[in-house]
């Protein structure tokens, strides 16, 4: 898989760049997903093109929080998910477990 991935990166309002970025390292409680499909949703458009970021969110920001793909790496404490599993991510619906 290499050590780089493609990403749409928001640097400021109206400044979105499609570029190669480092693949993130994971912790013991995280998984790494090779994203196969990603969507830009309604909440991405205003922050990308009109109002900018809010709260504690800082630039640069990788866009596309609704995605599906294949698990390629799991942390040591991860249960019930295996390398090779196909997943669809709902980032605003937490499981309540660490």
Protein backbone atom coordinates (compact mmCIF):
# COMPACT_ATOMS: atom_id res chain seq x y z
CA UNK A 1 0.00 0.00 0.00
CA UNK A 2 2.97 2.31 0.40
CA UNK A 3 3.26 5.22 2.80
CA UNK A 4 1.19 7.81 0.87
CA UNK A 5 -2.50 8.20 0.02
CA UNK A 6 -4.57 10.55 -2.12
CA UNK A 7 -6.74 13.10 -0.32
CA UNK A 8 -8.86 16.18 -0.93
CA UNK A 9 -7.34 18.67 1.49
CA UNK A 10 -9.07 21.90 2.51
CA UNK A 11 -6.51 24.64 3.24
CA UNK A 12 -8.94 27.57 3.47
CA UNK A 13 -12.34 28.63 2.12
CA UNK A 14 -12.31 27.80 -1.59
CA UNK A 15 -8.81 26.29 -1.44
CA UNK A 16 -9.25 22.53 -1.90
CA UNK A 17 -6.33 20.52 -3.28
CA UNK A 18 -6.22 16.89 -4.40
CA UNK A 19 -2.79 15.67 -3.35
CA UNK A 20 -0.65 12.90 -1.89
CA UNK A 21 -0.41 12.88 1.93
CA UNK A 22 1.18 10.56 4.49
CA UNK A 23 -0.87 7.56 5.60
CA UNK A 24 -1.64 8.10 9.30
CA UNK A 25 -0.29 5.88 12.06
CA UNK A 26 -2.94 4.17 14.18
CA UNK A 27 -3.17 3.66 17.94
CA UNK A 28 -4.03 0.44 19.79
CA UNK A 29 -7.76 1.28 19.59
CA UNK A 30 -7.96 2.35 15.93
CA UNK A 31 -8.19 0.72 12.51
CA UNK A 32 -6.76 1.82 9.18
CA UNK A 33 -9.17 1.66 6.24
CA UNK A 34 -8.15 1.68 2.58
CA UNK A 35 -10.96 3.90 1.31
CA UNK A 36 -12.64 2.63 -1.86
CA UNK A 37 -15.55 5.11 -2.09
CA UNK A 38 -16.07 8.51 -0.46
CA UNK A 39 -18.72 11.19 -0.71
CA UNK A 40 -18.74 14.90 -0.08
CA UNK A 41 -21.90 15.63 1.91
CA UNK A 42 -23.95 18.75 2.56
CA UNK A 43 -21.93 19.71 5.64
CA UNK A 44 -18.69 19.71 3.63
CA UNK A 45 -19.88 22.26 1.06
CA UNK A 46 -20.47 25.31 3.32
CA UNK A 47 -17.22 24.84 5.24
CA UNK A 48 -15.31 24.33 1.98
CA UNK A 49 -16.74 27.14 -0.11
CA UNK A 50 -18.60 29.64 2.12
CA UNK A 51 -18.17 29.86 5.89
CA UNK A 52 -14.97 27.99 6.68
CA UNK A 53 -14.30 25.80 9.70
CA UNK A 54 -15.90 26.15 13.11
CA UNK A 55 -15.13 25.07 16.66
CA UNK A 56 -11.78 23.43 17.32
CA UNK A 57 -11.31 22.25 13.72
CA UNK A 58 -8.14 23.57 12.12
CA UNK A 59 -6.70 23.77 8.61
CA UNK A 60 -5.59 21.78 6.75
CA UNK A 61 -8.54 19.34 6.87
CA UNK A 62 -8.95 16.16 4.82
CA UNK A 63 -12.49 16.14 3.40
CA UNK A 64 -14.79 13.16 3.03
CA UNK A 65 -16.06 11.74 6.31
CA UNK A 66 -18.65 9.41 4.72
CA UNK A 67 -16.79 6.48 3.19
CA UNK A 68 -16.44 2.74 2.74
CA UNK A 69 -13.46 0.52 2.20
CA UNK A 70 -11.37 -2.38 3.45
CA UNK A 71 -9.63 -2.69 6.82
CA UNK A 72 -5.88 -3.01 6.20
CA UNK A 73 -4.52 -2.70 9.76
CA UNK A 74 -5.93 -3.00 13.28
CA UNK A 75 -4.68 -1.84 16.67
CA UNK A 76 -3.79 -4.41 19.33
CA UNK A 77 -6.90 -3.68 21.44
CA UNK A 78 -9.39 -3.77 18.55
CA UNK A 79 -12.02 -6.53 18.84
CA UNK A 80 -14.68 -7.67 16.36
CA UNK A 81 -12.95 -6.13 13.31
CA UNK A 82 -10.38 -7.97 11.23
CA UNK A 83 -7.95 -7.11 8.46
CA UNK A 84 -9.81 -7.68 5.20
CA UNK A 85 -13.24 -6.70 6.57
CA UNK A 86 -15.27 -4.40 4.35
CA UNK A 87 -16.67 -1.47 6.30
CA UNK A 88 -18.93 1.54 5.86
CA UNK A 89 -18.16 4.35 8.27
CA UNK A 90 -20.76 6.49 10.05
CA UNK A 91 -18.43 8.91 11.87
CA UNK A 92 -21.15 10.70 13.84
CA UNK A 93 -22.54 7.50 15.38
CA UNK A 94 -20.09 6.46 18.13
CA UNK A 95 -20.12 2.95 19.57
CA UNK A 96 -19.37 4.25 23.06
CA UNK A 97 -16.38 1.94 23.44
CA UNK A 98 -12.69 2.75 23.38
